Amino acid sequence: MKDEDLIETELSSEAVFDGVLLHVRSDRVRLPNGHESIREWVAHPGAVVVIAVLDNSKLLFERQFRYPLRRIFLELPAGKIDAGEHPLDTARRELKEETGYKAKTWGHLGTTHPCIGYSNERIEIFMAHGLSYVGHERDHNEFLDVIEMSVADAVLAVRDAEITDAKTITALIWAEKVLSGEWTLSA
């Protein structure tokens, strides 16, 4: 099958909701077979997730309450890309703000699209080494607990459903492969 046999074409687009972070759209599209349909989707500015590797080889994790699911999640440091901000600058900012660490070396590992059925969100995955603690600068409405965990223990936490956050699970696959030497870290 050729690509053009799969592609949908936007005919019209309507803003349903414009919030501080998210923007909901309702688009009328032409399907590859010529029929029309509606696609509701969420526009998102993008985000980063950071695999912060300590000198003891453990990773920095955060325990944070996430309101939509009304529970505490165990996840890697992450945050939204601000308008006009380079993703690496976001990663540096979020690591310092949330955990209090800065890193000497950074590598971009890849990109994940966590919600392809209803959002254009992308999350850039970074790995940070040479960490030093400089003090956190959390937002006034940000409450979290920073902990250390080995990659092996984190993978077991995925298996045991203690980690269910998609960006963290995806980044852990990268962490496991890169730290074992199976995959290389890009500059």
Protein backbone atom coordinates (compact mmCIF):
# COMPACT_ATOMS: atom_id res chain seq x y z
CA MET A 1 0.00 0.00 0.00
CA LYS A 2 1.28 3.47 -0.89
CA ASP A 3 1.40 6.33 1.62
CA GLU A 4 -1.29 8.24 -0.26
CA ASP A 5 -3.63 5.30 0.40
CA LEU A 6 -3.36 6.05 4.15
CA ILE A 7 -3.24 9.84 4.41
CA GLU A 8 -6.19 11.93 5.61
CA THR A 9 -6.53 15.53 4.41
CA GLU A 10 -7.76 18.40 6.61
CA LEU A 11 -10.82 20.13 5.16
CA SER A 12 -11.56 22.44 8.09
CA SER A 13 -10.38 22.96 11.65
CA GLU A 14 -12.22 24.42 14.64
CA ALA A 15 -10.89 25.41 18.06
CA VAL A 16 -13.04 23.65 20.67
CA PHE A 17 -11.06 24.75 23.74
CA ASP A 18 -7.96 26.88 24.25
CA GLY A 19 -6.38 26.41 27.66
CA VAL A 20 -3.10 27.43 29.22
CA LEU A 21 -1.38 24.16 28.23
CA LEU A 22 -3.73 22.29 25.91
CA HIS A 23 -5.74 23.28 22.87
CA VAL A 24 -8.52 20.98 21.67
CA ARG A 25 -9.32 20.93 17.96
CA SER A 26 -12.11 19.36 15.91
CA ASP A 27 -11.10 18.83 12.29
CA ARG A 28 -13.18 17.66 9.36
CA VAL A 29 -11.03 15.42 7.17
CA ARG A 30 -11.22 13.63 3.85
CA LEU A 31 -10.35 9.96 4.21
CA PRO A 32 -8.27 8.07 1.63
CA ASN A 33 -11.48 6.50 0.25
CA GLY A 34 -13.02 9.96 -0.39
CA HIS A 35 -15.44 9.93 2.55
CA GLU A 36 -15.35 12.54 5.31
CA SER A 37 -14.91 12.15 9.07
CA ILE A 38 -14.24 14.19 12.21
CA ARG A 39 -10.93 14.05 14.11
CA GLU A 40 -10.84 15.50 17.61
CA TRP A 41 -7.32 16.04 18.89
CA VAL A 42 -5.25 17.89 21.47
CA ALA A 43 -2.49 20.30 20.43
CA HIS A 44 0.43 20.14 22.87
CA PRO A 45 3.66 22.24 22.87
CA GLY A 46 5.91 19.21 23.41
CA ALA A 47 7.95 18.08 26.39
CA VAL A 48 11.22 16.49 27.48
CA VAL A 49 12.10 13.60 29.75
CA VAL A 50 15.53 13.31 31.38
CA ILE A 51 17.45 10.15 32.23
CA ALA A 52 19.73 11.65 34.88
CA VAL A 53 22.54 9.21 35.71
CA LEU A 54 24.27 9.70 39.06
CA ASP A 55 27.91 8.76 39.68
CA ASN A 56 26.67 5.64 41.54
CA SER A 57 24.91 4.59 38.26
CA LYS A 58 21.47 5.12 39.76
CA LEU A 59 18.87 7.30 38.04
CA LEU A 60 16.96 10.22 39.50
CA PHE A 61 13.21 9.66 39.77
CA GLU A 62 10.37 11.76 41.10
CA ARG A 63 7.32 10.82 43.09
CA GLN A 64 4.60 13.26 42.11
CA PHE A 65 0.82 13.52 42.48
CA ARG A 66 -0.88 13.67 39.09
CA TYR A 67 -4.33 15.19 39.34
CA PRO A 68 -6.11 13.55 36.35
CA LEU A 69 -5.63 10.08 37.87
CA ARG A 70 -5.69 11.31 41.49
CA ARG A 71 -2.60 9.36 42.54
CA ILE A 72 1.14 9.56 43.05
CA PHE A 73 3.30 8.42 40.13
CA LEU A 74 6.95 7.40 39.99
CA GLU A 75 8.50 9.00 36.93
CA LEU A 76 11.66 10.45 35.45
CA PRO A 77 12.15 14.24 35.54
CA ALA A 78 10.25 15.89 32.71
CA GLY A 79 8.57 19.08 31.63
CA LYS A 80 6.91 21.15 28.95
CA ILE A 81 8.90 22.91 26.24
CA ASP A 82 8.21 26.65 26.43
CA ALA A 83 7.49 28.60 23.23
CA GLY A 84 10.73 29.24 21.35
CA GLU A 85 12.78 27.13 23.76
CA HIS A 86 15.21 24.52 22.45
CA PRO A 87 14.39 21.07 23.91
CA LEU A 88 17.91 20.72 25.39
CA ASP A 89 17.42 24.00 27.24
CA THR A 90 14.11 22.64 28.55
CA ALA A 91 15.85 19.47 29.74
CA ARG A 92 18.54 21.47 31.55
CA ARG A 93 15.94 23.77 33.13
CA GLU A 94 13.62 20.97 34.24
CA LEU A 95 16.43 18.85 35.73
CA LYS A 96 17.63 21.79 37.85
CA GLU A 97 14.16 23.08 38.78
CA GLU A 98 12.75 19.71 39.80
CA THR A 99 15.73 17.77 41.17
CA GLY A 100 18.31 20.43 41.98
CA TYR A 101 20.95 18.81 39.75
CA LYS A 102 22.88 20.13 36.79
CA ALA A 103 24.79 17.92 34.35
CA LYS A 104 28.16 18.22 32.60
CA THR A 105 27.25 16.12 29.57
CA TRP A 106 24.00 15.68 27.68
CA GLY A 107 22.88 13.43 24.86
CA HIS A 108 19.67 13.38 22.87
CA LEU A 109 18.42 9.80 22.57
CA GLY A 110 15.21 10.05 20.59
CA THR A 111 11.60 11.16 20.41
CA THR A 112 8.41 9.49 21.55
CA HIS A 113 4.81 10.34 20.66
CA PRO A 114 2.80 9.12 23.67
CA CYS A 115 -0.77 9.73 22.50
CA ILE A 116 -0.86 9.37 18.70
CA GLY A 117 -4.59 8.68 18.59
CA TYR A 118 -5.60 12.06 20.02
CA SER A 119 -2.62 14.40 20.43
CA ASN A 120 0.37 15.78 18.54
CA GLU A 121 2.48 15.74 21.72
CA ARG A 122 6.11 14.75 21.30
CA ILE A 123 8.55 14.05 24.10
CA GLU A 124 12.28 14.44 23.50
CA ILE A 125 14.39 11.94 25.49
CA PHE A 126 17.69 13.17 26.94
CA MET A 127 20.41 11.49 29.01
CA ALA A 128 22.49 13.51 31.46
CA HIS A 129 25.81 12.51 33.08
CA GLY A 130 28.26 14.23 35.42
CA LEU A 131 25.58 15.38 37.82
CA SER A 132 26.21 17.83 40.66
CA TYR A 133 23.66 19.07 43.16
CA VAL A 134 23.11 22.86 43.03
CA GLY A 135 19.66 23.16 44.66
CA HIS A 136 16.20 22.94 43.13
CA GLU A 137 14.05 25.83 41.95
CA ARG A 138 10.59 24.29 41.84
CA ASP A 139 7.58 26.27 40.77
CA HIS A 140 5.45 27.49 43.68
CA ASN A 141 2.75 24.94 42.78
CA GLU A 142 5.09 21.96 42.24
CA PHE A 143 5.44 19.33 44.96
CA LEU A 144 7.56 16.23 44.46
CA ASP A 145 9.93 13.82 46.15
CA VAL A 146 13.24 13.02 44.40
CA ILE A 147 14.59 9.49 44.80
CA GLU A 148 17.41 7.38 43.35
CA MET A 149 16.78 4.01 41.71
CA SER A 150 18.87 1.60 39.66
CA VAL A 151 17.83 0.80 36.11
CA ALA A 152 17.26 -2.84 37.12
CA ASP A 153 14.97 -1.84 40.00
CA ALA A 154 13.13 0.61 37.74
CA VAL A 155 12.51 -2.10 35.13
CA LEU A 156 11.15 -4.35 37.91
CA ALA A 157 8.93 -1.44 39.00
CA VAL A 158 7.53 -1.34 35.45
CA ARG A 159 6.86 -5.08 35.61
CA ASP A 160 5.17 -4.71 39.00
CA ALA A 161 3.03 -1.75 37.79
CA GLU A 162 4.72 0.65 40.21
CA ILE A 163 5.82 2.66 37.16
CA THR A 164 3.03 3.06 34.60
CA ASP A 165 3.96 6.44 33.10
CA ALA A 166 4.51 5.97 29.35
CA LYS A 167 7.33 8.52 28.94
CA THR A 168 9.23 6.93 31.82
CA ILE A 169 8.78 3.41 30.47
CA THR A 170 9.94 4.49 27.01
CA ALA A 171 12.95 6.36 28.41
CA LEU A 172 13.87 3.35 30.57
CA ILE A 173 14.13 1.20 27.44
CA TRP A 174 16.63 3.73 26.10
CA ALA A 175 18.46 3.92 29.44
CA GLU A 176 18.81 0.16 29.70
CA LYS A 177 20.13 -0.16 26.14
CA VAL A 178 22.50 2.83 26.26
CA LEU A 179 23.92 2.10 29.72
CA SER A 180 24.54 -1.55 28.77
CA GLY A 181 26.43 -0.40 25.65
CA GLU A 182 23.97 -2.08 23.29
CA TRP A 183 22.87 1.29 21.84
CA THR A 184 25.08 4.37 21.42
CA LEU A 185 24.39 7.82 22.77
CA SER A 186 24.18 10.57 20.16
CA ALA A 187 25.90 13.90 20.80
